[in-house]
N, C-alpha and C. Protein backbone atom coordinates (compact mmCIF):
# COMPACT_ATOMS: atom_id res chain seq x y z
N MET A 1 0.84 -1.18 0.00
CA MET A 1 0.00 0.00 0.00
C MET A 1 0.89 1.24 0.00
N LYS A 2 0.47 2.21 -0.78
CA LYS A 2 1.24 3.45 -0.92
C LYS A 2 0.31 4.66 -0.80
N LEU A 3 0.92 5.78 -0.43
CA LEU A 3 0.24 7.07 -0.43
C LEU A 3 0.98 7.95 -1.42
N ILE A 4 0.26 8.42 -2.43
CA ILE A 4 0.83 9.35 -3.39
C ILE A 4 0.36 10.74 -3.01
N ILE A 5 1.31 11.64 -2.86
CA ILE A 5 1.00 13.05 -2.65
C ILE A 5 1.56 13.80 -3.85
N ALA A 6 0.69 14.47 -4.58
CA ALA A 6 1.11 15.23 -5.75
C ALA A 6 0.75 16.69 -5.55
N ILE A 7 1.72 17.55 -5.79
CA ILE A 7 1.49 19.00 -5.77
C ILE A 7 1.43 19.42 -7.23
N ILE A 8 0.27 19.92 -7.65
CA ILE A 8 0.05 20.22 -9.06
C ILE A 8 -0.51 21.63 -9.24
N GLN A 9 -0.55 22.07 -10.48
CA GLN A 9 -1.16 23.36 -10.82
C GLN A 9 -2.68 23.21 -10.77
N PRO A 10 -3.40 24.21 -10.24
CA PRO A 10 -4.86 24.10 -10.10
C PRO A 10 -5.59 23.84 -11.43
N GLU A 11 -5.13 24.45 -12.50
CA GLU A 11 -5.82 24.30 -13.79
C GLU A 11 -5.70 22.89 -14.37
N GLU A 12 -4.80 22.08 -13.84
CA GLU A 12 -4.61 20.73 -14.35
C GLU A 12 -5.48 19.69 -13.64
N LEU A 13 -6.13 20.07 -12.56
CA LEU A 13 -6.90 19.11 -11.77
C LEU A 13 -8.00 18.42 -12.58
N PRO A 14 -8.83 19.13 -13.35
CA PRO A 14 -9.89 18.42 -14.08
C PRO A 14 -9.37 17.34 -15.02
N GLU A 15 -8.30 17.62 -15.75
CA GLU A 15 -7.74 16.62 -16.67
C GLU A 15 -7.11 15.45 -15.92
N ILE A 16 -6.42 15.74 -14.83
CA ILE A 16 -5.81 14.67 -14.03
C ILE A 16 -6.90 13.78 -13.44
N LYS A 17 -7.97 14.39 -12.97
CA LYS A 17 -9.09 13.62 -12.42
C LYS A 17 -9.65 12.67 -13.49
N GLU A 18 -9.84 13.16 -14.71
CA GLU A 18 -10.33 12.33 -15.80
C GLU A 18 -9.38 11.16 -16.08
N GLU A 19 -8.08 11.45 -16.10
CA GLU A 19 -7.09 10.40 -16.36
C GLU A 19 -7.10 9.34 -15.26
N LEU A 20 -7.24 9.76 -14.00
CA LEU A 20 -7.30 8.80 -12.90
C LEU A 20 -8.52 7.90 -13.03
N ILE A 21 -9.66 8.49 -13.36
CA ILE A 21 -10.88 7.71 -13.48
C ILE A 21 -10.78 6.73 -14.66
N LYS A 22 -10.17 7.14 -15.76
CA LYS A 22 -9.96 6.23 -16.89
C LYS A 22 -9.15 5.01 -16.48
N ARG A 23 -8.25 5.19 -15.51
CA ARG A 23 -7.39 4.10 -15.05
C ARG A 23 -7.95 3.39 -13.83
N LYS A 24 -9.25 3.61 -13.56
CA LYS A 24 -9.98 2.96 -12.47
C LYS A 24 -9.45 3.33 -11.08
N ILE A 25 -9.00 4.58 -10.95
CA ILE A 25 -8.59 5.11 -9.66
C ILE A 25 -9.62 6.18 -9.31
N TYR A 26 -10.52 5.84 -8.39
CA TYR A 26 -11.67 6.69 -8.10
C TYR A 26 -11.57 7.45 -6.79
N LYS A 27 -10.74 6.97 -5.88
CA LYS A 27 -10.72 7.53 -4.53
C LYS A 27 -9.49 8.38 -4.33
N PHE A 28 -9.69 9.65 -4.09
CA PHE A 28 -8.58 10.57 -3.83
C PHE A 28 -9.10 11.79 -3.09
N THR A 29 -8.19 12.54 -2.51
CA THR A 29 -8.53 13.74 -1.76
C THR A 29 -7.80 14.92 -2.38
N VAL A 30 -8.49 16.05 -2.45
CA VAL A 30 -7.93 17.26 -3.03
C VAL A 30 -8.04 18.39 -2.01
N THR A 31 -6.92 19.11 -1.79
CA THR A 31 -6.94 20.27 -0.92
C THR A 31 -6.19 21.41 -1.60
N ASN A 32 -6.59 22.63 -1.26
CA ASN A 32 -5.87 23.80 -1.75
C ASN A 32 -4.60 23.97 -0.94
N ALA A 33 -3.56 24.40 -1.62
CA ALA A 33 -2.28 24.63 -0.95
C ALA A 33 -1.64 25.88 -1.54
N LYS A 34 -0.70 26.42 -0.83
CA LYS A 34 0.11 27.52 -1.34
C LYS A 34 1.56 27.09 -1.23
N GLY A 35 2.34 27.47 -2.23
CA GLY A 35 3.74 27.06 -2.18
C GLY A 35 4.58 27.84 -3.15
N GLN A 36 5.85 27.59 -3.06
CA GLN A 36 6.81 28.29 -3.91
C GLN A 36 7.90 27.34 -4.33
N GLY A 37 8.22 27.38 -5.59
CA GLY A 37 9.34 26.63 -6.13
C GLY A 37 10.31 27.61 -6.75
N LYS A 38 11.06 27.15 -7.71
CA LYS A 38 12.05 27.99 -8.37
C LYS A 38 11.43 28.98 -9.36
N GLU A 39 10.14 28.87 -9.60
CA GLU A 39 9.53 29.72 -10.60
C GLU A 39 9.39 31.19 -10.19
N ILE A 40 9.53 31.48 -8.90
CA ILE A 40 9.43 32.86 -8.44
C ILE A 40 10.69 33.21 -7.64
N PRO A 41 11.35 34.33 -7.98
CA PRO A 41 12.51 34.72 -7.17
C PRO A 41 12.07 35.22 -5.80
N VAL A 42 12.84 34.88 -4.80
CA VAL A 42 12.56 35.31 -3.44
C VAL A 42 13.47 36.48 -3.10
N ARG A 43 12.87 37.55 -2.61
CA ARG A 43 13.64 38.73 -2.24
C ARG A 43 13.48 38.94 -0.74
N GLU A 44 14.56 38.89 0.00
CA GLU A 44 14.51 39.09 1.45
C GLU A 44 15.46 40.21 1.85
N VAL A 45 15.04 40.97 2.82
CA VAL A 45 15.87 42.03 3.36
C VAL A 45 15.96 41.82 4.87
N TYR A 46 17.11 42.07 5.42
CA TYR A 46 17.36 41.80 6.83
C TYR A 46 17.27 43.07 7.65
N ARG A 47 17.02 42.96 8.92
CA ARG A 47 17.02 44.04 9.92
C ARG A 47 15.92 45.08 9.70
N GLY A 48 14.68 44.63 9.76
CA GLY A 48 13.58 45.57 9.78
C GLY A 48 13.07 46.05 8.43
N LEU A 49 13.80 45.82 7.40
CA LEU A 49 13.31 46.23 6.09
C LEU A 49 12.35 45.17 5.57
N SER A 50 11.34 45.62 4.87
CA SER A 50 10.32 44.69 4.39
C SER A 50 10.87 43.74 3.35
N HIS A 51 10.32 42.56 3.34
CA HIS A 51 10.69 41.58 2.34
C HIS A 51 9.41 40.99 1.75
N GLU A 52 9.50 40.49 0.55
CA GLU A 52 8.33 39.95 -0.13
C GLU A 52 8.54 38.47 -0.41
N VAL A 53 7.61 37.67 0.05
CA VAL A 53 7.61 36.25 -0.26
C VAL A 53 6.26 35.97 -0.91
N THR A 54 6.28 35.58 -2.15
CA THR A 54 5.04 35.32 -2.88
C THR A 54 4.80 33.83 -2.95
N LEU A 55 3.63 33.42 -2.49
CA LEU A 55 3.25 32.02 -2.54
C LEU A 55 2.19 31.84 -3.61
N LEU A 56 2.34 30.80 -4.41
CA LEU A 56 1.40 30.53 -5.49
C LEU A 56 0.36 29.51 -5.07
N ASN A 57 -0.81 29.60 -5.68
CA ASN A 57 -1.86 28.62 -5.44
C ASN A 57 -1.48 27.30 -6.09
N LYS A 58 -1.62 26.24 -5.35
CA LYS A 58 -1.33 24.88 -5.82
C LYS A 58 -2.47 23.98 -5.36
N ILE A 59 -2.48 22.77 -5.86
CA ILE A 59 -3.41 21.74 -5.42
C ILE A 59 -2.60 20.58 -4.86
N ARG A 60 -3.03 20.08 -3.71
CA ARG A 60 -2.42 18.89 -3.13
C ARG A 60 -3.39 17.73 -3.34
N LEU A 61 -2.93 16.77 -4.11
CA LEU A 61 -3.73 15.60 -4.45
C LEU A 61 -3.16 14.41 -3.68
N GLU A 62 -4.00 13.73 -2.91
CA GLU A 62 -3.57 12.57 -2.13
C GLU A 62 -4.35 11.34 -2.56
N ILE A 63 -3.61 10.28 -2.85
CA ILE A 63 -4.23 9.04 -3.31
C ILE A 63 -3.62 7.88 -2.52
N ALA A 64 -4.45 7.17 -1.76
CA ALA A 64 -4.01 5.96 -1.07
C ALA A 64 -4.44 4.78 -1.93
N LEU A 65 -3.48 3.92 -2.30
CA LEU A 65 -3.82 2.82 -3.20
C LEU A 65 -2.93 1.62 -2.99
N ASN A 66 -3.38 0.52 -3.54
CA ASN A 66 -2.59 -0.71 -3.50
C ASN A 66 -1.44 -0.60 -4.48
N ASP A 67 -0.39 -1.35 -4.23
CA ASP A 67 0.85 -1.24 -5.00
C ASP A 67 0.65 -1.38 -6.51
N GLU A 68 -0.27 -2.23 -6.94
CA GLU A 68 -0.43 -2.46 -8.38
C GLU A 68 -1.01 -1.26 -9.13
N PHE A 69 -1.52 -0.25 -8.42
CA PHE A 69 -2.08 0.93 -9.06
C PHE A 69 -1.13 2.14 -9.04
N VAL A 70 0.03 2.01 -8.42
CA VAL A 70 0.94 3.14 -8.27
C VAL A 70 1.40 3.69 -9.62
N ASN A 71 1.86 2.82 -10.50
CA ASN A 71 2.34 3.28 -11.80
C ASN A 71 1.24 3.94 -12.62
N ASP A 72 0.03 3.38 -12.57
CA ASP A 72 -1.10 3.99 -13.29
C ASP A 72 -1.39 5.39 -12.77
N ALA A 73 -1.36 5.56 -11.46
CA ALA A 73 -1.63 6.88 -10.87
C ALA A 73 -0.54 7.88 -11.26
N VAL A 74 0.71 7.48 -11.16
CA VAL A 74 1.82 8.37 -11.53
C VAL A 74 1.74 8.74 -13.00
N ASN A 75 1.45 7.76 -13.86
CA ASN A 75 1.33 8.04 -15.28
C ASN A 75 0.17 8.96 -15.59
N ALA A 76 -0.94 8.82 -14.88
CA ALA A 76 -2.09 9.70 -15.09
C ALA A 76 -1.72 11.14 -14.75
N ILE A 77 -1.01 11.34 -13.66
CA ILE A 77 -0.62 12.69 -13.24
C ILE A 77 0.41 13.28 -14.19
N THR A 78 1.43 12.52 -14.50
CA THR A 78 2.51 13.06 -15.34
C THR A 78 2.09 13.26 -16.78
N SER A 79 1.17 12.45 -17.29
CA SER A 79 0.74 12.63 -18.68
C SER A 79 0.05 13.97 -18.89
N VAL A 80 -0.59 14.49 -17.85
CA VAL A 80 -1.25 15.79 -17.95
C VAL A 80 -0.31 16.91 -17.54
N ALA A 81 0.40 16.74 -16.44
CA ALA A 81 1.16 17.85 -15.85
C ALA A 81 2.50 18.10 -16.50
N LYS A 82 3.08 17.11 -17.15
CA LYS A 82 4.43 17.28 -17.70
C LYS A 82 4.39 18.11 -18.97
N LYS A 83 5.10 19.21 -18.94
CA LYS A 83 5.27 20.06 -20.11
C LYS A 83 6.74 20.39 -20.20
N ASP A 84 7.39 19.93 -21.24
CA ASP A 84 8.83 20.08 -21.38
C ASP A 84 9.26 21.54 -21.30
N GLY A 85 10.30 21.79 -20.52
CA GLY A 85 10.87 23.12 -20.42
C GLY A 85 10.08 24.10 -19.58
N ASP A 86 8.97 23.69 -19.03
CA ASP A 86 8.13 24.59 -18.24
C ASP A 86 8.41 24.35 -16.76
N LYS A 87 8.88 25.39 -16.08
CA LYS A 87 9.17 25.27 -14.64
C LYS A 87 7.88 25.24 -13.84
N GLY A 88 7.98 24.71 -12.63
CA GLY A 88 6.85 24.75 -11.70
C GLY A 88 5.74 23.78 -12.02
N ARG A 89 6.06 22.62 -12.55
CA ARG A 89 5.04 21.63 -12.89
C ARG A 89 4.56 20.87 -11.67
N GLY A 90 5.34 20.85 -10.61
CA GLY A 90 4.91 20.19 -9.38
C GLY A 90 5.81 19.04 -8.99
N LYS A 91 5.35 18.27 -8.02
CA LYS A 91 6.12 17.14 -7.49
C LYS A 91 5.16 16.01 -7.16
N ILE A 92 5.71 14.79 -7.20
CA ILE A 92 4.97 13.61 -6.76
C ILE A 92 5.81 12.90 -5.71
N PHE A 93 5.19 12.63 -4.57
CA PHE A 93 5.86 11.91 -3.48
C PHE A 93 5.12 10.58 -3.30
N ILE A 94 5.87 9.49 -3.14
CA ILE A 94 5.27 8.18 -2.93
C ILE A 94 5.77 7.65 -1.58
N LEU A 95 4.84 7.41 -0.68
CA LEU A 95 5.17 6.99 0.68
C LEU A 95 4.52 5.64 1.00
N PRO A 96 5.19 4.82 1.79
CA PRO A 96 4.56 3.56 2.21
C PRO A 96 3.47 3.82 3.25
N ILE A 97 2.44 3.01 3.21
CA ILE A 97 1.37 3.08 4.22
C ILE A 97 1.53 1.86 5.12
N GLU A 98 1.65 2.10 6.39
CA GLU A 98 1.82 1.00 7.34
C GLU A 98 0.52 0.22 7.52
N GLU A 99 -0.60 0.93 7.63
CA GLU A 99 -1.88 0.27 7.84
C GLU A 99 -3.00 1.17 7.36
N CYS A 100 -4.10 0.56 6.94
CA CYS A 100 -5.30 1.27 6.55
C CYS A 100 -6.49 0.56 7.19
N ILE A 101 -7.39 1.33 7.76
CA ILE A 101 -8.57 0.77 8.41
C ILE A 101 -9.81 1.50 7.90
N ARG A 102 -10.76 0.77 7.37
CA ARG A 102 -12.03 1.37 6.95
C ARG A 102 -12.90 1.49 8.20
N ILE A 103 -13.26 2.69 8.54
CA ILE A 103 -13.98 2.95 9.78
C ILE A 103 -15.34 2.25 9.80
N ARG A 104 -16.08 2.31 8.72
CA ARG A 104 -17.43 1.76 8.68
C ARG A 104 -17.46 0.27 8.96
N SER A 105 -16.56 -0.50 8.31
CA SER A 105 -16.64 -1.96 8.39
C SER A 105 -15.55 -2.61 9.24
N GLY A 106 -14.49 -1.85 9.55
CA GLY A 106 -13.39 -2.42 10.30
C GLY A 106 -12.41 -3.19 9.44
N GLU A 107 -12.61 -3.22 8.12
CA GLU A 107 -11.66 -3.90 7.23
C GLU A 107 -10.30 -3.24 7.35
N THR A 108 -9.25 -4.03 7.13
CA THR A 108 -7.89 -3.50 7.22
C THR A 108 -7.09 -3.86 5.98
N GLY A 109 -5.96 -3.20 5.84
CA GLY A 109 -5.04 -3.51 4.75
C GLY A 109 -5.55 -3.13 3.38
N SER A 110 -5.17 -3.92 2.38
CA SER A 110 -5.50 -3.60 1.00
C SER A 110 -7.00 -3.66 0.73
N GLU A 111 -7.76 -4.47 1.48
CA GLU A 111 -9.22 -4.49 1.31
C GLU A 111 -9.84 -3.16 1.72
N ALA A 112 -9.26 -2.50 2.73
CA ALA A 112 -9.81 -1.24 3.20
C ALA A 112 -9.56 -0.10 2.22
N ILE A 113 -8.47 -0.16 1.49
CA ILE A 113 -8.18 0.89 0.51
C ILE A 113 -9.13 0.81 -0.66
N GLY A 114 -9.45 -0.40 -1.08
CA GLY A 114 -10.42 -0.58 -2.14
C GLY A 114 -9.79 -0.63 -3.46
């Protein structure tokens, strides 16, 4: 079992959602996030002078899935989000899940993820 956390551009969410559903990945969570990568220069001033830090709107997409669906999920995200030479496309993190428990039924493990 794995947890995929993807930080993506907000305008790409509808297409990524469609790609995930085409690959039979239906369960995911979406939250708004703010962040900064190399796409914006950071200007800081020390000792009382004002500094500007600009944070951009991003989407945090979280998908808990069984191991056999990991490649499909990554491919769905990258097929939409990857644009050659364009900075700030986002990141994908893949983490192991120690345990999953479905609250309603008490199922555990890969059965609980679905």
